[in-house]
Amino acid sequence: MVLEDTEQELIERCQRGDPEAFRGLFEKHKDMVYSVALRYCGDTAIAQDIAQDTFLKLFSTIASFRGDSTFDAWLYRMVVNSCFDQKRRARRLTPLLDEVLAALRTPDVSVLDEVLRSEMSTHVRDVVESLAPDQRMVIVLRYTQGLSYDEIAEILGCASGTIASRLNRAHKVLQRRLSRLAGATRKKQ
């Protein structure tokens, strides 16, 4: 049985591509990974996402584990990085949503406004997803990853001016589509 193997044997078998060995590592460490994630974020759904992300990273990088540190230390670092990644993604998307929603909100905040805020965030995501792929990618890299124009240009293999142009076009599309949405929301009020 896999769970009876020593951890080193499981790691070596995983590195050779044995799925049962990976299952054994998963079973042995899933509670620790989930516990760290849950304590970090305080939300069970987000903690499950972080744990899943961690095990996906583990699956794809197990071959690079050289044993310079203990496997537990290596896995802890991986779950911590997944937590930080999740936090960065959430933090980078929030200001964009807050800016858009602030422009759409009336000065008096009510329960209705809070319901509309939730509904609006869904609409904003839908509008971003409807952008042309090149525009959507620069929006994602700029606002959710926080990359500079030069960094995005390097990743996409084009000039910084091209990135500025794509962002400008994307901003205009977002402004046009979201202003229609804002008009429809004001009519509901």
Protein backbone atom coordinates (compact mmCIF):
# COMPACT_ATOMS: atom_id res chain seq x y z
CA MET A 1 0.00 0.00 0.00
CA VAL A 2 1.20 3.48 -0.90
CA LEU A 3 0.64 4.97 2.56
CA GLU A 4 3.05 2.45 4.07
CA ASP A 5 5.94 3.65 1.89
CA THR A 6 8.39 6.07 3.43
CA GLU A 7 8.08 9.65 2.31
CA GLN A 8 11.39 9.49 0.44
CA GLU A 9 10.18 6.44 -1.49
CA LEU A 10 6.93 8.23 -2.33
CA ILE A 11 8.84 11.26 -3.58
CA GLU A 12 11.11 9.13 -5.75
CA ARG A 13 8.13 7.26 -7.18
CA CYS A 14 6.34 10.57 -7.87
CA GLN A 15 9.43 11.82 -9.67
CA ARG A 16 9.21 8.73 -11.89
CA GLY A 17 5.56 9.57 -12.66
CA ASP A 18 3.73 7.12 -10.37
CA PRO A 19 0.21 8.56 -9.81
CA GLU A 20 -0.45 6.30 -6.82
CA ALA A 21 2.63 7.70 -5.09
CA PHE A 22 1.37 11.24 -5.68
CA ARG A 23 -1.95 10.20 -4.19
CA GLY A 24 -0.04 8.96 -1.14
CA LEU A 25 1.76 12.31 -0.74
CA PHE A 26 -1.55 14.09 -1.19
CA GLU A 27 -3.24 11.98 1.50
CA LYS A 28 -0.35 12.49 3.88
CA HIS A 29 -0.15 16.30 3.49
CA LYS A 30 -3.63 17.48 2.46
CA ASP A 31 -4.71 18.41 6.00
CA MET A 32 -1.57 20.44 6.66
CA VAL A 33 -1.85 22.32 3.35
CA TYR A 34 -5.54 23.07 3.88
CA SER A 35 -4.93 24.10 7.50
CA VAL A 36 -2.23 26.61 6.53
CA ALA A 37 -4.42 28.00 3.75
CA LEU A 38 -7.47 28.28 5.99
CA ARG A 39 -5.55 30.01 8.76
CA TYR A 40 -4.10 32.42 6.23
CA CYS A 41 -7.33 33.43 4.52
CA GLY A 42 -10.11 32.48 6.95
CA ASP A 43 -12.45 31.36 4.16
CA THR A 44 -13.08 27.67 3.47
CA ALA A 45 -13.73 28.10 -0.26
CA ILE A 46 -10.61 30.20 -0.80
CA ALA A 47 -8.59 27.79 1.35
CA GLN A 48 -9.74 24.91 -0.87
CA ASP A 49 -8.66 26.87 -3.95
CA ILE A 50 -5.26 27.57 -2.39
CA ALA A 51 -4.83 23.90 -1.45
CA GLN A 52 -5.78 22.81 -4.96
CA ASP A 53 -3.34 25.33 -6.44
CA THR A 54 -0.61 24.06 -4.12
CA PHE A 55 -1.10 20.44 -5.11
CA LEU A 56 -1.20 21.35 -8.81
CA LYS A 57 2.13 23.14 -8.33
CA LEU A 58 3.46 20.17 -6.39
CA PHE A 59 2.42 17.77 -9.15
CA SER A 60 4.12 19.87 -11.82
CA THR A 61 7.32 20.57 -9.84
CA ILE A 62 7.94 17.36 -7.83
CA ALA A 63 10.65 16.38 -10.31
CA SER A 64 12.65 19.46 -9.29
CA PHE A 65 12.72 18.53 -5.59
CA ARG A 66 16.39 17.83 -4.87
CA GLY A 67 16.26 17.35 -1.13
CA ASP A 68 18.24 20.50 -0.26
CA SER A 69 15.65 21.03 2.46
CA THR A 70 13.11 18.69 3.98
CA PHE A 71 10.11 17.86 1.86
CA ASP A 72 7.87 19.39 4.54
CA ALA A 73 9.77 22.70 4.40
CA TRP A 74 9.58 22.68 0.60
CA LEU A 75 5.83 21.99 0.69
CA TYR A 76 5.23 24.66 3.34
CA ARG A 77 7.01 27.19 1.15
CA MET A 78 4.83 26.12 -1.75
CA VAL A 79 1.57 26.60 0.21
CA VAL A 80 2.79 29.96 1.56
CA ASN A 81 3.56 31.09 -1.99
CA SER A 82 0.10 29.94 -3.10
CA CYS A 83 -1.45 31.97 -0.28
CA PHE A 84 0.53 35.05 -1.29
CA ASP A 85 -0.42 34.51 -4.94
CA GLN A 86 -4.10 34.32 -4.03
CA LYS A 87 -3.86 37.47 -1.92
CA ARG A 88 -2.09 39.38 -4.70
CA ARG A 89 -4.73 38.33 -7.23
CA ALA A 90 -7.55 39.42 -4.94
CA ARG A 91 -5.84 42.67 -3.96
CA ARG A 92 -5.08 43.66 -7.55
CA LEU A 93 -8.60 43.09 -8.83
CA THR A 94 -10.27 44.94 -5.95
CA PRO A 95 -8.95 48.47 -6.76
CA LEU A 96 -10.12 48.20 -10.36
CA LEU A 97 -13.58 47.10 -9.24
CA ASP A 98 -13.67 49.76 -6.51
CA GLU A 99 -12.79 52.52 -8.98
CA VAL A 100 -15.46 51.44 -11.44
CA LEU A 101 -18.06 50.99 -8.74
CA ALA A 102 -17.21 54.28 -7.04
CA ALA A 103 -17.95 56.06 -10.29
CA LEU A 104 -21.28 54.25 -10.53
CA ARG A 105 -22.44 54.75 -6.95
CA THR A 106 -24.61 57.53 -5.63
CA PRO A 107 -23.42 59.52 -2.57
CA ASP A 108 -25.97 57.90 -0.23
CA VAL A 109 -25.02 54.27 0.46
CA SER A 110 -27.91 51.95 1.11
CA VAL A 111 -28.56 48.23 1.26
CA LEU A 112 -29.66 48.46 -2.36
CA ASP A 113 -26.28 50.00 -3.21
CA GLU A 114 -24.50 47.05 -1.62
CA VAL A 115 -26.61 44.58 -3.58
CA LEU A 116 -25.89 46.55 -6.75
CA ARG A 117 -22.17 46.53 -5.94
CA SER A 118 -22.17 42.74 -5.89
CA GLU A 119 -24.17 42.61 -9.09
CA MET A 120 -21.87 45.18 -10.69
CA SER A 121 -18.72 43.22 -9.93
CA THR A 122 -20.22 40.30 -11.86
CA HIS A 123 -21.06 42.60 -14.76
CA VAL A 124 -17.57 44.13 -14.74
CA ARG A 125 -16.02 40.65 -14.91
CA ASP A 126 -18.37 39.78 -17.80
CA VAL A 127 -17.42 42.96 -19.67
CA VAL A 128 -13.70 42.30 -19.20
CA GLU A 129 -14.18 38.71 -20.42
CA SER A 130 -15.96 40.03 -23.53
CA LEU A 131 -12.95 42.13 -24.61
CA ALA A 132 -10.87 41.04 -27.58
CA PRO A 133 -8.17 38.61 -26.41
CA ASP A 134 -5.27 41.08 -26.89
CA GLN A 135 -7.13 43.76 -24.91
CA ARG A 136 -8.25 41.36 -22.20
CA MET A 137 -4.69 40.07 -21.75
CA VAL A 138 -3.22 43.55 -21.22
CA ILE A 139 -6.01 44.38 -18.76
CA VAL A 140 -5.33 41.18 -16.83
CA LEU A 141 -1.55 41.63 -16.82
CA ARG A 142 -1.78 45.30 -15.88
CA TYR A 143 -4.53 45.24 -13.24
CA THR A 144 -4.52 41.76 -11.78
CA GLN A 145 -0.80 41.06 -12.04
CA GLY A 146 0.33 44.67 -11.53
CA LEU A 147 2.89 44.56 -14.32
CA SER A 148 4.40 47.65 -15.95
CA TYR A 149 3.95 48.47 -19.63
CA ASP A 150 7.54 47.36 -20.29
CA GLU A 151 7.02 44.03 -18.49
CA ILE A 152 3.82 43.37 -20.43
CA ALA A 153 5.53 44.30 -23.69
CA GLU A 154 8.33 41.84 -22.97
CA ILE A 155 5.87 39.05 -22.14
CA LEU A 156 3.76 39.66 -25.25
CA GLY A 157 6.73 40.35 -27.52
CA CYS A 158 5.71 43.82 -28.68
CA ALA A 159 6.57 47.48 -28.04
CA SER A 160 5.49 49.40 -24.93
CA GLY A 161 3.62 51.78 -27.23
CA THR A 162 1.55 48.86 -28.48
CA ILE A 163 0.67 47.99 -24.89
CA ALA A 164 -0.35 51.60 -24.21
CA SER A 165 -2.50 51.55 -27.33
CA ARG A 166 -4.18 48.26 -26.40
CA LEU A 167 -4.86 49.49 -22.87
CA ASN A 168 -6.28 52.74 -24.22
CA ARG A 169 -8.62 50.86 -26.57
CA ALA A 170 -9.63 48.47 -23.78
CA HIS A 171 -10.33 51.39 -21.42
CA LYS A 172 -12.57 53.02 -24.03
CA VAL A 173 -14.50 49.77 -24.58
CA LEU A 174 -14.85 49.25 -20.83
CA GLN A 175 -15.96 52.85 -20.32
CA ARG A 176 -18.57 52.61 -23.10
CA ARG A 177 -19.97 49.25 -21.97
CA LEU A 178 -19.92 50.07 -18.27
CA SER A 179 -21.48 53.51 -18.77
CA ARG A 180 -24.45 51.77 -20.43
CA LEU A 181 -24.60 49.50 -17.42
CA ALA A 182 -24.45 52.48 -15.06
CA GLY A 183 -27.32 54.11 -16.94
CA ALA A 184 -29.42 50.97 -16.65
CA THR A 185 -28.62 50.74 -12.92
CA ARG A 186 -29.62 54.36 -12.26
CA LYS A 187 -32.94 53.75 -14.01
CA LYS A 188 -33.63 50.84 -11.61
CA GLN A 189 -33.16 53.15 -8.64
